[in-house]
Amino acid sequence: MSVMIENKKLDNLSARIFYKSVKEDSVKSVELLKIDNLSGSSHEDIGEELFMIFNEENNPLASPNGQALIRAKGASHTSMSVGDSIVFSDGVVIHVDDIGFSKEPVNSFVDEIIYKKMGLIV
């Protein structure tokens, strides 16, 4: 998959997209896909473009092939959501947050409920 982004400052990056897989008793990240030839003014700008692609009506993961990929990888959702991650080929990692992106891992409300059930947080 190739995505072109305007205002090129960062060129020819690849990104691995990780979605959180939330089950009744576990939360883990699964690598869904890799996207090549990304360019943009910052990692966050590229992340914002990817977020929009994976949340729009024509989300490639909403297709029958995309749904098969999600099931095969063990992910639990189609749209990019809080807690999902983008790992760039230059080593930068950003995580979808409530607003924008974070350099630190982010837990969604559902993640926290599961972690509490598991006794991992109080």
PDB file of N, CA and C in Angstrom:
ATOM      1  N   MET A   1       0.847  -1.173   0.000  1.00  0.00           N
ATOM      2  CA  MET A   1       0.000   0.000   0.000  1.00  0.00           C
ATOM      3  C   MET A   1       0.891   1.233   0.000  1.00  0.00           C
ATOM      4  N   SER A   2       0.585   2.232  -0.803  1.00  0.00           N
ATOM      5  CA  SER A   2       1.342   3.467  -0.888  1.00  0.00           C
ATOM      6  C   SER A   2       0.432   4.643  -0.556  1.00  0.00           C
ATOM      7  N   VAL A   3       0.926   5.548   0.270  1.00  0.00           N
ATOM      8  CA  VAL A   3       0.153   6.725   0.642  1.00  0.00           C
ATOM      9  C   VAL A   3       1.039   7.941   0.413  1.00  0.00           C
ATOM     10  N   MET A   4       0.551   8.915  -0.333  1.00  0.00           N
ATOM     11  CA  MET A   4       1.306  10.142  -0.565  1.00  0.00           C
ATOM     12  C   MET A   4       0.759  11.239   0.345  1.00  0.00           C
ATOM     13  N   ILE A   5       1.640  11.946   1.012  1.00  0.00           N
ATOM     14  CA  ILE A   5       1.253  13.001   1.928  1.00  0.00           C
ATOM     15  C   ILE A   5       2.007  14.265   1.532  1.00  0.00           C
ATOM     16  N   GLU A   6       1.314  15.391   1.483  1.00  0.00           N
ATOM     17  CA  GLU A   6       1.911  16.660   1.063  1.00  0.00           C
ATOM     18  C   GLU A   6       2.862  17.229   2.123  1.00  0.00           C
ATOM     19  N   ASN A   7       3.522  18.365   1.809  1.00  0.00           N
ATOM     20  CA  ASN A   7       4.460  19.058   2.695  1.00  0.00           C
ATOM     21  C   ASN A   7       5.616  18.148   3.096  1.00  0.00           C
ATOM     22  N   LYS A   8       6.306  17.622   2.114  1.00  0.00           N
ATOM     23  CA  LYS A   8       7.341  16.629   2.377  1.00  0.00           C
ATOM     24  C   LYS A   8       8.526  17.223   3.134  1.00  0.00           C
ATOM     25  N   LYS A   9       8.773  16.705   4.302  1.00  0.00           N
ATOM     26  CA  LYS A   9       9.952  16.993   5.089  1.00  0.00           C
ATOM     27  C   LYS A   9      10.636  15.672   5.406  1.00  0.00           C
ATOM     28  N   LEU A  10       9.841  14.677   5.730  1.00  0.00           N
ATOM     29  CA  LEU A  10      10.312  13.312   5.940  1.00  0.00           C
ATOM     30  C   LEU A  10       9.984  12.547   4.666  1.00  0.00           C
ATOM     31  N   ASP A  11      10.948  11.867   4.094  1.00  0.00           N
ATOM     32  CA  ASP A  11      10.721  11.181   2.825  1.00  0.00           C
ATOM     33  C   ASP A  11      10.997   9.692   2.922  1.00  0.00           C
ATOM     34  N   ASN A  12      10.248   8.950   2.127  1.00  0.00           N
ATOM     35  CA  ASN A  12      10.472   7.525   1.898  1.00  0.00           C
ATOM     36  C   ASN A  12      10.518   6.701   3.185  1.00  0.00           C
ATOM     37  N   LEU A  13       9.620   7.000   4.113  1.00  0.00           N
ATOM     38  CA  LEU A  13       9.515   6.200   5.331  1.00  0.00           C
ATOM     39  C   LEU A  13       8.577   5.021   5.112  1.00  0.00           C
ATOM     40  N   SER A  14       8.798   3.986   5.869  1.00  0.00           N
ATOM     41  CA  SER A  14       7.848   2.881   5.967  1.00  0.00           C
ATOM     42  C   SER A  14       7.238   2.956   7.356  1.00  0.00           C
ATOM     43  N   ALA A  15       6.048   2.401   7.493  1.00  0.00           N
ATOM     44  CA  ALA A  15       5.400   2.359   8.807  1.00  0.00           C
ATOM     45  C   ALA A  15       4.722   1.020   8.987  1.00  0.00           C
ATOM     46  N   ARG A  16       4.928   0.432  10.154  1.00  0.00           N
ATOM     47  CA  ARG A  16       4.206  -0.791  10.524  1.00  0.00           C
ATOM     48  C   ARG A  16       3.056  -0.361  11.428  1.00  0.00           C
ATOM     49  N   ILE A  17       1.862  -0.834  11.102  1.00  0.00           N
ATOM     50  CA  ILE A  17       0.658  -0.456  11.831  1.00  0.00           C
ATOM     51  C   ILE A  17       0.294  -1.586  12.795  1.00  0.00           C
ATOM     52  N   PHE A  18       0.205  -1.249  14.073  1.00  0.00           N
ATOM     53  CA  PHE A  18      -0.169  -2.209  15.110  1.00  0.00           C
ATOM     54  C   PHE A  18      -1.515  -1.806  15.690  1.00  0.00           C
ATOM     55  N   TYR A  19      -2.453  -2.747  15.722  1.00  0.00           N
ATOM     56  CA  TYR A  19      -3.750  -2.531  16.358  1.00  0.00           C
ATOM     57  C   TYR A  19      -3.771  -3.328  17.655  1.00  0.00           C
ATOM     58  N   LYS A  20      -4.429  -2.776  18.653  1.00  0.00           N
ATOM     59  CA  LYS A  20      -4.612  -3.523  19.889  1.00  0.00           C
ATOM     60  C   LYS A  20      -5.680  -4.573  19.673  1.00  0.00           C
ATOM     61  N   SER A  21      -5.426  -5.743  20.203  1.00  0.00           N
ATOM     62  CA  SER A  21      -6.400  -6.826  20.185  1.00  0.00           C
ATOM     63  C   SER A  21      -6.904  -6.982  21.607  1.00  0.00           C
ATOM     64  N   VAL A  22      -8.160  -6.663  21.805  1.00  0.00           N
ATOM     65  CA  VAL A  22      -8.747  -6.683  23.144  1.00  0.00           C
ATOM     66  C   VAL A  22      -9.668  -7.889  23.258  1.00  0.00           C
ATOM     67  N   LYS A  23      -9.339  -8.768  24.167  1.00  0.00           N
ATOM     68  CA  LYS A  23     -10.171  -9.937  24.469  1.00  0.00           C
ATOM     69  C   LYS A  23     -10.679  -9.789  25.895  1.00  0.00           C
ATOM     70  N   GLU A  24     -11.516 -10.698  26.322  1.00  0.00           N
ATOM     71  CA  GLU A  24     -12.096 -10.611  27.660  1.00  0.00           C
ATOM     72  C   GLU A  24     -11.033 -10.591  28.752  1.00  0.00           C
ATOM     73  N   ASP A  25      -9.927 -11.297  28.534  1.00  0.00           N
ATOM     74  CA  ASP A  25      -8.914 -11.405  29.578  1.00  0.00           C
ATOM     75  C   ASP A  25      -7.518 -10.999  29.134  1.00  0.00           C
ATOM     76  N   SER A  26      -7.402 -10.282  28.009  1.00  0.00           N
ATOM     77  CA  SER A  26      -6.069  -9.870  27.561  1.00  0.00           C
ATOM     78  C   SER A  26      -6.133  -8.682  26.613  1.00  0.00           C
ATOM     79  N   VAL A  27      -5.038  -7.958  26.577  1.00  0.00           N
ATOM     80  CA  VAL A  27      -4.849  -6.857  25.643  1.00  0.00           C
ATOM     81  C   VAL A  27      -3.452  -7.029  25.063  1.00  0.00           C
ATOM     82  N   LYS A  28      -3.357  -7.113  23.735  1.00  0.00           N
ATOM     83  CA  LYS A  28      -2.047  -7.223  23.104  1.00  0.00           C
ATOM     84  C   LYS A  28      -2.059  -6.442  21.803  1.00  0.00           C
ATOM     85  N   SER A  29      -0.891  -6.100  21.307  1.00  0.00           N
ATOM     86  CA  SER A  29      -0.781  -5.420  20.017  1.00  0.00           C
ATOM     87  C   SER A  29      -0.426  -6.435  18.954  1.00  0.00           C
ATOM     88  N   VAL A  30      -1.096  -6.327  17.808  1.00  0.00           N
ATOM     89  CA  VAL A  30      -0.801  -7.214  16.682  1.00  0.00           C
ATOM     90  C   VAL A  30      -0.453  -6.364  15.467  1.00  0.00           C
ATOM     91  N   GLU A  31       0.585  -6.783  14.752  1.00  0.00           N
ATOM     92  CA  GLU A  31       0.983  -6.052  13.552  1.00  0.00           C
ATOM     93  C   GLU A  31       0.033  -6.413  12.419  1.00  0.00           C
ATOM     94  N   LEU A  32      -0.645  -5.392  11.890  1.00  0.00           N
ATOM     95  CA  LEU A  32      -1.604  -5.633  10.816  1.00  0.00           C
ATOM     96  C   LEU A  32      -0.960  -5.523   9.441  1.00  0.00           C
ATOM     97  N   LEU A  33      -0.239  -4.454   9.208  1.00  0.00           N
ATOM     98  CA  LEU A  33       0.313  -4.262   7.872  1.00  0.00           C
ATOM     99  C   LEU A  33       1.458  -3.274   7.896  1.00  0.00           C
ATOM    100  N   LYS A  34       2.171  -3.237   6.778  1.00  0.00           N
ATOM    101  CA  LYS A  34       3.278  -2.302   6.587  1.00  0.00           C
ATOM    102  C   LYS A  34       2.949  -1.441   5.380  1.00  0.00           C
ATOM    103  N   ILE A  35       3.209  -0.150   5.504  1.00  0.00           N
ATOM    104  CA  ILE A  35       2.956   0.796   4.418  1.00  0.00           C
ATOM    105  C   ILE A  35       4.289   1.441   4.060  1.00  0.00           C
ATOM    106  N   ASP A  36       4.602   1.475   2.779  1.00  0.00           N
ATOM    107  CA  ASP A  36       5.864   2.049   2.299  1.00  0.00           C
ATOM    108  C   ASP A  36       5.641   3.408   1.639  1.00  0.00           C
ATOM    109  N   ASN A  37       6.754   4.102   1.381  1.00  0.00           N
ATOM    110  CA  ASN A  37       6.774   5.361   0.616  1.00  0.00           C
ATOM    111  C   ASN A  37       5.969   6.471   1.266  1.00  0.00           C
ATOM    112  N   LEU A  38       6.102   6.627   2.573  1.00  0.00           N
ATOM    113  CA  LEU A  38       5.407   7.697   3.282  1.00  0.00           C
ATOM    114  C   LEU A  38       6.280   8.934   3.341  1.00  0.00           C
ATOM    115  N   SER A  39       5.678  10.087   3.174  1.00  0.00           N
ATOM    116  CA  SER A  39       6.370  11.368   3.279  1.00  0.00           C
ATOM    117  C   SER A  39       5.457  12.339   3.988  1.00  0.00           C
ATOM    118  N   GLY A  40       6.035  13.269   4.724  1.00  0.00           N
ATOM    119  CA  GLY A  40       5.229  14.277   5.403  1.00  0.00           C
ATOM    120  C   GLY A  40       6.106  15.248   6.156  1.00  0.00           C
ATOM    121  N   SER A  41       5.481  16.243   6.786  1.00  0.00           N
ATOM    122  CA  SER A  41       6.240  17.270   7.491  1.00  0.00           C
ATOM    123  C   SER A  41       6.671  16.816   8.883  1.00  0.00           C
ATOM    124  N   SER A  42       5.990  15.812   9.452  1.00  0.00           N
ATOM    125  CA  SER A  42       6.368  15.267  10.759  1.00  0.00           C
ATOM    126  C   SER A  42       5.755  13.876  10.897  1.00  0.00           C
ATOM    127  N   HIS A  43       6.229  13.122  11.868  1.00  0.00           N
ATOM    128  CA  HIS A  43       5.657  11.798  12.133  1.00  0.00           C
ATOM    129  C   HIS A  43       4.185  11.924  12.519  1.00  0.00           C
ATOM    130  N   GLU A  44       3.868  12.953  13.302  1.00  0.00           N
ATOM    131  CA  GLU A  44       2.486  13.155  13.731  1.00  0.00           C
ATOM    132  C   GLU A  44       1.593  13.484  12.544  1.00  0.00           C
ATOM    133  N   ASP A  45       2.091  14.281  11.588  1.00  0.00           N
ATOM    134  CA  ASP A  45       1.291  14.595  10.393  1.00  0.00           C
ATOM    135  C   ASP A  45       1.030  13.330   9.568  1.00  0.00           C
ATOM    136  N   ILE A  46       2.048  12.500   9.425  1.00  0.00           N
ATOM    137  CA  ILE A  46       1.859  11.231   8.712  1.00  0.00           C
ATOM    138  C   ILE A  46       0.871  10.363   9.492  1.00  0.00           C
ATOM    139  N   GLY A  47       1.032  10.319  10.817  1.00  0.00           N
ATOM    140  CA  GLY A  47       0.109   9.561  11.655  1.00  0.00           C
ATOM    141  C   GLY A  47      -1.323  10.043  11.498  1.00  0.00           C
ATOM    142  N   GLU A  48      -1.504  11.347  11.419  1.00  0.00           N
ATOM    143  CA  GLU A  48      -2.846  11.914  11.250  1.00  0.00           C
ATOM    144  C   GLU A  48      -3.451  11.483   9.918  1.00  0.00           C
ATOM    145  N   GLU A  49      -2.648  11.486   8.873  1.00  0.00           N
ATOM    146  CA  GLU A  49      -3.133  11.030   7.559  1.00  0.00           C
ATOM    147  C   GLU A  49      -3.522   9.553   7.611  1.00  0.00           C
ATOM    148  N   LEU A  50      -2.681   8.736   8.241  1.00  0.00           N
ATOM    149  CA  LEU A  50      -2.995   7.309   8.362  1.00  0.00           C
ATOM    150  C   LEU A  50      -4.250   7.104   9.204  1.00  0.00           C
ATOM    151  N   PHE A  51      -4.365   7.865  10.294  1.00  0.00           N
ATOM    152  CA  PHE A  51      -5.549   7.774  11.143  1.00  0.00           C
ATOM    153  C   PHE A  51      -6.809   8.065  10.320  1.00  0.00           C
ATOM    154  N   MET A  52      -6.753   9.103   9.502  1.00  0.00           N
ATOM    155  CA  MET A  52      -7.912   9.466   8.672  1.00  0.00           C
ATOM    156  C   MET A  52      -8.231   8.357   7.665  1.00  0.00           C
ATOM    157  N   ILE A  53      -7.195   7.789   7.042  1.00  0.00           N
ATOM    158  CA  ILE A  53      -7.407   6.710   6.063  1.00  0.00           C
ATOM    159  C   ILE A  53      -8.094   5.518   6.726  1.00  0.00           C
ATOM    160  N   PHE A  54      -7.649   5.159   7.934  1.00  0.00           N
ATOM    161  CA  PHE A  54      -8.185   3.982   8.615  1.00  0.00           C
ATOM    162  C   PHE A  54      -9.434   4.292   9.450  1.00  0.00           C
ATOM    163  N   ASN A  55     -10.019   5.475   9.230  1.00  0.00           N
ATOM    164  CA  ASN A  55     -11.279   5.824   9.878  1.00  0.00           C
ATOM    165  C   ASN A  55     -12.309   6.384   8.905  1.00  0.00           C
ATOM    166  N   GLU A  56     -11.973   6.425   7.631  1.00  0.00           N
ATOM    167  CA  GLU A  56     -12.918   6.970   6.661  1.00  0.00           C
ATOM    168  C   GLU A  56     -13.804   5.874   6.077  1.00  0.00           C
ATOM    169  N   GLU A  57     -14.781   6.288   5.313  1.00  0.00           N
ATOM    170  CA  GLU A  57     -15.725   5.351   4.707  1.00  0.00           C
ATOM    171  C   GLU A  57     -15.027   4.314   3.835  1.00  0.00           C
ATOM    172  N   ASN A  58     -13.973   4.713   3.148  1.00  0.00           N
ATOM    173  CA  ASN A  58     -13.240   3.797   2.261  1.00  0.00           C
ATOM    174  C   ASN A  58     -12.031   3.166   2.940  1.00  0.00           C
ATOM    175  N   ASN A  59     -12.097   2.973   4.245  1.00  0.00           N
ATOM    176  CA  ASN A  59     -11.027   2.325   4.999  1.00  0.00           C
ATOM    177  C   ASN A  59     -10.678   0.995   4.310  1.00  0.00           C
ATOM    178  N   PRO A  60      -9.408   0.813   3.899  1.00  0.00           N
ATOM    179  CA  PRO A  60      -9.050  -0.435   3.218  1.00  0.00           C
ATOM    180  C   PRO A  60      -9.273  -1.684   4.074  1.00  0.00           C
ATOM    181  N   LEU A  61      -9.293  -1.527   5.393  1.00  0.00           N
ATOM    182  CA  LEU A  61      -9.529  -2.681   6.268  1.00  0.00           C
ATOM    183  C   LEU A  61     -11.005  -3.052   6.366  1.00  0.00           C
ATOM    184  N   ALA A  62     -11.889  -2.214   5.816  1.00  0.00           N
ATOM    185  CA  ALA A  62     -13.320  -2.517   5.825  1.00  0.00           C
ATOM    186  C   ALA A  62     -13.714  -3.414   4.656  1.00  0.00           C
ATOM    187  N   SER A  63     -12.804  -3.620   3.715  1.00  0.00           N
ATOM    188  CA  SER A  63     -13.087  -4.488   2.566  1.00  0.00           C
ATOM    189  C   SER A  63     -13.092  -5.949   3.016  1.00  0.00           C
ATOM    190  N   PRO A  64     -13.634  -6.844   2.211  1.00  0.00           N
ATOM    191  CA  PRO A  64     -13.592  -8.275   2.574  1.00  0.00           C
ATOM    192  C   PRO A  64     -12.158  -8.772   2.822  1.00  0.00           C
ATOM    193  N   ASN A  65     -11.208  -8.337   1.994  1.00  0.00           N
ATOM    194  CA  ASN A  65      -9.814  -8.741   2.212  1.00  0.00           C
ATOM    195  C   ASN A  65      -9.259  -8.150   3.504  1.00  0.00           C
ATOM    196  N   GLY A  66      -9.620  -6.898   3.789  1.00  0.00           N
ATOM    197  CA  GLY A  66      -9.189  -6.260   5.033  1.00  0.00           C
ATOM    198  C   GLY A  66      -9.747  -6.957   6.252  1.00  0.00           C
ATOM    199  N   GLN A  67     -11.021  -7.349   6.178  1.00  0.00           N
ATOM    200  CA  GLN A  67     -11.643  -8.059   7.292  1.00  0.00           C
ATOM    201  C   GLN A  67     -11.003  -9.430   7.500  1.00  0.00           C
ATOM    202  N   ALA A  68     -10.654 -10.091   6.403  1.00  0.00           N
ATOM    203  CA  ALA A  68      -9.966 -11.387   6.503  1.00  0.00           C
ATOM    204  C   ALA A  68      -8.599 -11.207   7.160  1.00  0.00           C
ATOM    205  N   LEU A  69      -7.897 -10.124   6.814  1.00  0.00           N
ATOM    206  CA  LEU A  69      -6.590  -9.837   7.412  1.00  0.00           C
ATOM    207  C   LEU A  69      -6.738  -9.600   8.913  1.00  0.00           C
ATOM    208  N   ILE A  70      -7.727  -8.805   9.297  1.00  0.00           N
ATOM    209  CA  ILE A  70      -7.958  -8.523  10.714  1.00  0.00           C
ATOM    210  C   ILE A  70      -8.203  -9.812  11.490  1.00  0.00           C
ATOM    211  N   ARG A  71      -9.060 -10.677  10.959  1.00  0.00           N
ATOM    212  CA  ARG A  71      -9.338 -11.951  11.629  1.00  0.00           C
ATOM    213  C   ARG A  71      -8.088 -12.822  11.699  1.00  0.00           C
ATOM    214  N   ALA A  72      -7.342 -12.896  10.597  1.00  0.00           N
ATOM    215  CA  ALA A  72      -6.143 -13.743  10.548  1.00  0.00           C
ATOM    216  C   ALA A  72      -5.081 -13.274  11.542  1.00  0.00           C
ATOM    217  N   LYS A  73      -4.962 -11.965  11.736  1.00  0.00           N
ATOM    218  CA  LYS A  73      -3.948 -11.417  12.637  1.00  0.00           C
ATOM    219  C   LYS A  73      -4.417 -11.394  14.087  1.00  0.00           C
ATOM    220  N   GLY A  74      -5.712 -11.595  14.310  1.00  0.00           N
ATOM    221  CA  GLY A  74      -6.222 -11.605  15.677  1.00  0.00           C
ATOM    222  C   GLY A  74      -6.561 -10.236  16.216  1.00  0.00           C
ATOM    223  N   ALA A  75      -6.692  -9.249  15.350  1.00  0.00           N
ATOM    224  CA  ALA A  75      -7.102  -7.919  15.803  1.00  0.00           C
ATOM    225  C   ALA A  75      -8.602  -7.933  16.059  1.00  0.00           C
ATOM    226  N   SER A  76      -9.084  -6.883  16.726  1.00  0.00           N
ATOM    227  CA  SER A  76     -10.494  -6.897  17.109  1.00  0.00           C
ATOM    228  C   SER A  76     -11.277  -5.695  16.599  1.00  0.00           C
ATOM    229  N   HIS A  77     -10.684  -4.887  15.714  1.00  0.00           N
ATOM    230  CA  HIS A  77     -11.417  -3.733  15.201  1.00  0.00           C
ATOM    231  C   HIS A  77     -10.880  -3.308  13.841  1.00  0.00           C
ATOM    232  N   THR A  78     -11.709  -2.550  13.105  1.00  0.00           N
ATOM    233  CA  THR A  78     -11.377  -2.120  11.745  1.00  0.00           C
ATOM    234  C   THR A  78     -10.739  -0.739  11.726  1.00  0.00           C
ATOM    235  N   SER A  79     -11.264   0.185  12.507  1.00  0.00           N
ATOM    236  CA  SER A  79     -10.777   1.565  12.500  1.00  0.00           C
ATOM    237  C   SER A  79      -9.607   1.735  13.462  1.00  0.00           C
ATOM    238  N   MET A  80      -8.672   2.632  13.099  1.00  0.00           N
ATOM    239  CA  MET A  80      -7.561   2.947  13.997  1.00  0.00           C
ATOM    240  C   MET A  80      -8.140   3.652  15.223  1.00  0.00           C
ATOM    241  N   SER A  81      -7.715   3.219  16.410  1.00  0.00           N
ATOM    242  CA  SER A  81      -8.323   3.691  17.653  1.00  0.00           C
ATOM    243  C   SER A  81      -7.267   4.011  18.704  1.00  0.00           C
ATOM    244  N   VAL A  82      -7.722   4.589  19.808  1.00  0.00           N
ATOM    245  CA  VAL A  82      -6.847   4.909  20.939  1.00  0.00           C
ATOM    246  C   VAL A  82      -6.080   3.658  21.349  1.00  0.00           C
ATOM    247  N   GLY A  83      -4.776   3.804  21.491  1.00  0.00           N
ATOM    248  CA  GLY A  83      -3.922   2.698  21.903  1.00  0.00           C
ATOM    249  C   GLY A  83      -3.229   1.997  20.745  1.00  0.00           C
ATOM    250  N   ASP A  84      -3.719   2.181  19.509  1.00  0.00           N
ATOM    251  CA  ASP A  84      -3.044   1.594  18.353  1.00  0.00           C
ATOM    252  C   ASP A  84      -1.740   2.347  18.111  1.00  0.00           C
ATOM    253  N   SER A  85      -0.802   1.710  17.410  1.00  0.00           N
ATOM    254  CA  SER A  85       0.548   2.277  17.268  1.00  0.00           C
ATOM    255  C   SER A  85       1.013   2.282  15.826  1.00  0.00           C
ATOM    256  N   ILE A  86       1.898   3.238  15.553  1.00  0.00           N
ATOM    257  CA  ILE A  86       2.566   3.333  14.251  1.00  0.00           C
ATOM    258  C   ILE A  86       4.062   3.329  14.530  1.00  0.00           C
ATOM    259  N   VAL A  87       4.764   2.362  13.934  1.00  0.00           N
ATOM    260  CA  VAL A  87       6.215   2.243  14.115  1.00  0.00           C
ATOM    261  C   VAL A  87       6.865   2.585  12.776  1.00  0.00           C
ATOM    262  N   PHE A  88       7.600   3.696  12.742  1.00  0.00           N
ATOM    263  CA  PHE A  88       8.230   4.165  11.512  1.00  0.00           C
ATOM    264  C   PHE A  88       9.597   3.523  11.310  1.00  0.00           C
ATOM    265  N   SER A  89      10.006   3.460  10.057  1.00  0.00           N
ATOM    266  CA  SER A  89      11.279   2.818   9.707  1.00  0.00           C
ATOM    267  C   SER A  89      12.489   3.555  10.271  1.00  0.00           C
ATOM    268  N   ASP A  90      12.340   4.812  10.667  1.00  0.00           N
ATOM    269  CA  ASP A  90      13.462   5.544  11.266  1.00  0.00           C
ATOM    270  C   ASP A  90      13.509   5.382  12.786  1.00  0.00           C
ATOM    271  N   GLY A  91      12.659   4.485  13.324  1.00  0.00           N
ATOM    272  CA  GLY A  91      12.694   4.175  14.747  1.00  0.00           C
ATOM    273  C   GLY A  91      11.697   4.934  15.601  1.00  0.00           C
ATOM    274  N   VAL A  92      11.025   5.920  15.052  1.00  0.00           N
ATOM    275  CA  VAL A  92      10.044   6.689  15.820  1.00  0.00           C
ATOM    276  C   VAL A  92       8.757   5.875  15.958  1.00  0.00           C
ATOM    277  N   VAL A  93       8.210   5.869  17.171  1.00  0.00           N
ATOM    278  CA  VAL A  93       6.952   5.171  17.453  1.00  0.00           C
ATOM    279  C   VAL A  93       5.968   6.194  18.010  1.00  0.00           C
ATOM    280  N   ILE A  94       4.758   6.215  17.440  1.00  0.00           N
ATOM    281  CA  ILE A  94       3.707   7.065  17.987  1.00  0.00           C
ATOM    282  C   ILE A  94       2.478   6.205  18.259  1.00  0.00           C
ATOM    283  N   HIS A  95       1.717   6.605  19.280  1.00  0.00           N
ATOM    284  CA  HIS A  95       0.543   5.858  19.712  1.00  0.00           C
ATOM    285  C   HIS A  95      -0.674   6.773  19.617  1.00  0.00           C
ATOM    286  N   VAL A  96      -1.775   6.249  19.097  1.00  0.00           N
ATOM    287  CA  VAL A  96      -3.002   7.030  19.004  1.00  0.00           C
ATOM    288  C   VAL A  96      -3.483   7.337  20.425  1.00  0.00           C
ATOM    289  N   ASP A  97      -3.721   8.627  20.685  1.00  0.00           N
ATOM    290  CA  ASP A  97      -4.191   9.078  21.997  1.00  0.00           C
ATOM    291  C   ASP A  97      -5.615   9.615  21.851  1.00  0.00           C
ATOM    292  N   ASP A  98      -6.216  10.034  22.953  1.00  0.00           N
ATOM    293  CA  ASP A  98      -7.565  10.607  22.891  1.00  0.00           C
ATOM    294  C   ASP A  98      -7.615  11.774  21.909  1.00  0.00           C
ATOM    295  N   ILE A  99      -6.585  12.597  21.937  1.00  0.00           N
ATOM    296  CA  ILE A  99      -6.445  13.703  20.992  1.00  0.00           C
ATOM    297  C   ILE A  99      -5.020  13.651  20.468  1.00  0.00           C
ATOM    298  N   GLY A 100      -4.846  13.368  19.193  1.00  0.00           N
ATOM    299  CA  GLY A 100      -3.520  13.337  18.595  1.00  0.00           C
ATOM    300  C   GLY A 100      -2.766  12.055  18.897  1.00  0.00           C
ATOM    301  N   PHE A 101      -1.458  12.205  19.115  1.00  0.00           N
ATOM    302  CA  PHE A 101      -0.575  11.067  19.309  1.00  0.00           C
ATOM    303  C   PHE A 101       0.316  11.278  20.512  1.00  0.00           C
ATOM    304  N   SER A 102       0.796  10.176  21.069  1.00  0.00           N
ATOM    305  CA  SER A 102       1.692  10.196  22.218  1.00  0.00           C
ATOM    306  C   SER A 102       2.936   9.383  21.877  1.00  0.00           C
ATOM    307  N   LYS A 103       4.052   9.753  22.471  1.00  0.00           N
ATOM    308  CA  LYS A 103       5.280   8.952  22.327  1.00  0.00           C
ATOM    309  C   LYS A 103       5.251   7.767  23.292  1.00  0.00           C
ATOM    310  N   GLU A 104       4.378   7.833  24.289  1.00  0.00           N
ATOM    311  CA  GLU A 104       4.237   6.763  25.287  1.00  0.00           C
ATOM    312  C   GLU A 104       3.021   5.907  24.951  1.00  0.00           C
ATOM    313  N   PRO A 105       3.063   4.602  25.280  1.00  0.00           N
ATOM    314  CA  PRO A 105       1.888   3.753  25.053  1.00  0.00           C
ATOM    315  C   PRO A 105       0.650   4.320  25.749  1.00  0.00           C
ATOM    316  N   VAL A 106      -0.504   4.125  25.127  1.00  0.00           N
ATOM    317  CA  VAL A 106      -1.763   4.672  25.624  1.00  0.00           C
ATOM    318  C   VAL A 106      -2.739   3.525  25.867  1.00  0.00           C
ATOM    319  N   ASN A 107      -3.413   3.557  27.004  1.00  0.00           N
ATOM    320  CA  ASN A 107      -4.462   2.578  27.298  1.00  0.00           C
ATOM    321  C   ASN A 107      -5.822   3.217  27.092  1.00  0.00           C
ATOM    322  N   SER A 108      -6.703   2.505  26.424  1.00  0.00           N
ATOM    323  CA  SER A 108      -8.073   2.972  26.284  1.00  0.00           C
ATOM    324  C   SER A 108      -8.833   2.646  27.564  1.00  0.00           C
ATOM    325  N   PHE A 109     -10.046   3.156  27.664  1.00  0.00           N
ATOM    326  CA  PHE A 109     -10.906   2.870  28.806  1.00  0.00           C
ATOM    327  C   PHE A 109     -11.144   1.366  28.931  1.00  0.00           C
ATOM    328  N   VAL A 110     -11.386   0.701  27.800  1.00  0.00           N
ATOM    329  CA  VAL A 110     -11.627  -0.750  27.798  1.00  0.00           C
ATOM    330  C   VAL A 110     -10.373  -1.498  28.267  1.00  0.00           C
ATOM    331  N   ASP A 111      -9.189  -1.065  27.804  1.00  0.00           N
ATOM    332  CA  ASP A 111      -7.936  -1.685  28.250  1.00  0.00           C
ATOM    333  C   ASP A 111      -7.847  -1.642  29.773  1.00  0.00           C
ATOM    334  N   GLU A 112      -8.149  -0.483  30.342  1.00  0.00           N
ATOM    335  CA  GLU A 112      -8.031  -0.320  31.788  1.00  0.00           C
ATOM    336  C   GLU A 112      -9.001  -1.226  32.541  1.00  0.00           C
ATOM    337  N   ILE A 113     -10.206  -1.400  32.011  1.00  0.00           N
ATOM    338  CA  ILE A 113     -11.170  -2.311  32.652  1.00  0.00           C
ATOM    339  C   ILE A 113     -10.611  -3.732  32.665  1.00  0.00           C
ATOM    340  N   ILE A 114     -10.046  -4.162  31.558  1.00  0.00           N
ATOM    341  CA  ILE A 114      -9.481  -5.522  31.475  1.00  0.00           C
ATOM    342  C   ILE A 114      -8.280  -5.660  32.407  1.00  0.00           C
ATOM    343  N   TYR A 115      -7.411  -4.642  32.420  1.00  0.00           N
ATOM    344  CA  TYR A 115      -6.243  -4.694  33.308  1.00  0.00           C
ATOM    345  C   TYR A 115      -6.679  -4.763  34.776  1.00  0.00           C
ATOM    346  N   LYS A 116      -7.754  -4.046  35.123  1.00  0.00           N
ATOM    347  CA  LYS A 116      -8.256  -4.108  36.503  1.00  0.00           C
ATOM    348  C   LYS A 116      -8.775  -5.510  36.818  1.00  0.00           C
ATOM    349  N   LYS A 117      -9.519  -6.112  35.875  1.00  0.00           N
ATOM    350  CA  LYS A 117     -10.018  -7.485  36.075  1.00  0.00           C
ATOM    351  C   LYS A 117      -8.863  -8.457  36.284  1.00  0.00           C
ATOM    352  N   MET A 118      -7.752  -8.211  35.576  1.00  0.00           N
ATOM    353  CA  MET A 118      -6.599  -9.092  35.665  1.00  0.00           C
ATOM    354  C   MET A 118      -5.750  -8.789  36.891  1.00  0.00           C
ATOM    355  N   GLY A 119      -6.077  -7.721  37.626  1.00  0.00           N
ATOM    356  CA  GLY A 119      -5.322  -7.348  38.818  1.00  0.00           C
ATOM    357  C   GLY A 119      -4.004  -6.655  38.489  1.00  0.00           C
ATOM    358  N   LEU A 120      -3.880  -6.139  37.277  1.00  0.00           N
ATOM    359  CA  LEU A 120      -2.623  -5.500  36.878  1.00  0.00           C
ATOM    360  C   LEU A 120      -2.574  -4.033  37.268  1.00  0.00           C
ATOM    361  N   ILE A 121      -3.749  -3.415  37.458  1.00  0.00           N
ATOM    362  CA  ILE A 121      -3.811  -2.048  37.971  1.00  0.00           C
ATOM    363  C   ILE A 121      -4.939  -1.982  38.980  1.00  0.00           C
ATOM    364  N   VAL A 122      -4.837  -0.989  39.856  1.00  0.00           N
ATOM    365  CA  VAL A 122      -5.853  -0.825  40.917  1.00  0.00           C
ATOM    366  C   VAL A 122      -6.859   0.211  40.498  1.00  0.00           C
TER     367      VAL A 122
END
